[in-house]
Protein backbone atom coordinates (compact mmCIF):
# COMPACT_ATOMS: atom_id res chain seq x y z
CA MET A 1 55.34 19.37 21.31
CA HIS A 2 52.46 21.78 21.89
CA GLN A 3 52.25 25.13 20.16
CA ALA A 4 50.59 27.95 22.10
CA ILE A 5 47.48 29.56 20.65
CA SER A 6 47.18 33.30 21.04
CA PRO A 7 44.33 34.62 23.23
CA GLU A 8 42.91 36.33 20.12
CA THR A 9 42.82 33.03 18.21
CA GLN A 10 41.38 31.16 21.20
CA ARG A 11 38.57 33.72 21.55
CA ALA A 12 37.81 33.50 17.81
CA HIS A 13 37.50 29.71 18.12
CA GLU A 14 35.20 30.08 21.13
CA GLN A 15 32.99 32.59 19.29
CA LEU A 16 32.77 30.34 16.25
CA ASN A 17 31.83 27.36 18.41
CA GLU A 18 29.15 29.41 20.21
CA GLN A 19 27.68 30.71 16.94
CA THR A 20 27.72 27.23 15.40
CA GLU A 21 25.95 25.72 18.42
CA ILE A 22 23.26 28.44 18.35
CA PHE A 23 22.77 27.90 14.60
CA ILE A 24 22.40 24.13 14.98
CA ASN A 25 20.15 24.42 18.05
CA HIS A 26 17.79 26.61 16.02
CA GLY A 27 17.41 23.96 13.32
CA GLY A 28 20.28 24.97 11.06
CA GLN A 29 22.30 22.37 9.20
CA ILE A 30 25.83 22.51 7.84
CA GLU A 31 25.92 20.82 4.44
CA SER A 32 29.59 21.36 3.64
CA VAL A 33 32.54 23.63 4.24
CA PRO A 34 34.80 24.00 1.20
CA SER A 35 38.49 23.34 1.69
CA GLY A 36 40.52 26.52 2.10
CA VAL A 37 37.68 28.65 3.48
CA SER A 38 39.00 31.09 6.06
CA GLY A 39 37.27 32.67 9.01
CA LEU A 40 39.41 35.79 8.75
CA PRO A 41 37.80 39.03 7.60
CA ALA A 42 38.58 39.69 3.93
CA GLY A 43 40.51 42.91 4.62
CA ARG A 44 42.76 41.44 7.31
CA PRO A 45 46.22 40.41 6.10
CA LYS A 46 47.33 36.83 6.70
CA VAL A 47 50.50 36.05 8.63
CA VAL A 48 53.62 35.80 6.50
CA TRP A 49 56.25 33.49 7.99
CA MET A 50 59.68 35.08 8.04
CA ASN A 51 61.48 31.77 8.56
CA PRO A 52 59.71 29.16 6.43
CA HIS A 53 60.27 25.50 7.28
CA THR A 54 58.87 22.13 6.40
CA ALA A 55 56.81 20.40 9.06
CA LYS A 56 58.18 17.12 10.25
CA PRO A 57 55.77 14.16 10.16
CA ILE A 58 54.48 12.91 13.49
CA HIS A 59 54.82 9.17 13.91
CA LYS A 60 52.53 7.67 16.54
CA ARG A 61 53.56 4.39 18.06
């Protein structure tokens, strides 16, 4: 099953990839990215799920 990504989210991913590539191409290095770090602006509210559910594990064969 494939979940669609919104155009807004897709564009944000593309911008992040472009900025990361420019940074690395200019000699920058990424030492670490702490778990839980978000790319959302601090003032923007996060999505609150109205119908919470538990994800089912994916078993590859």
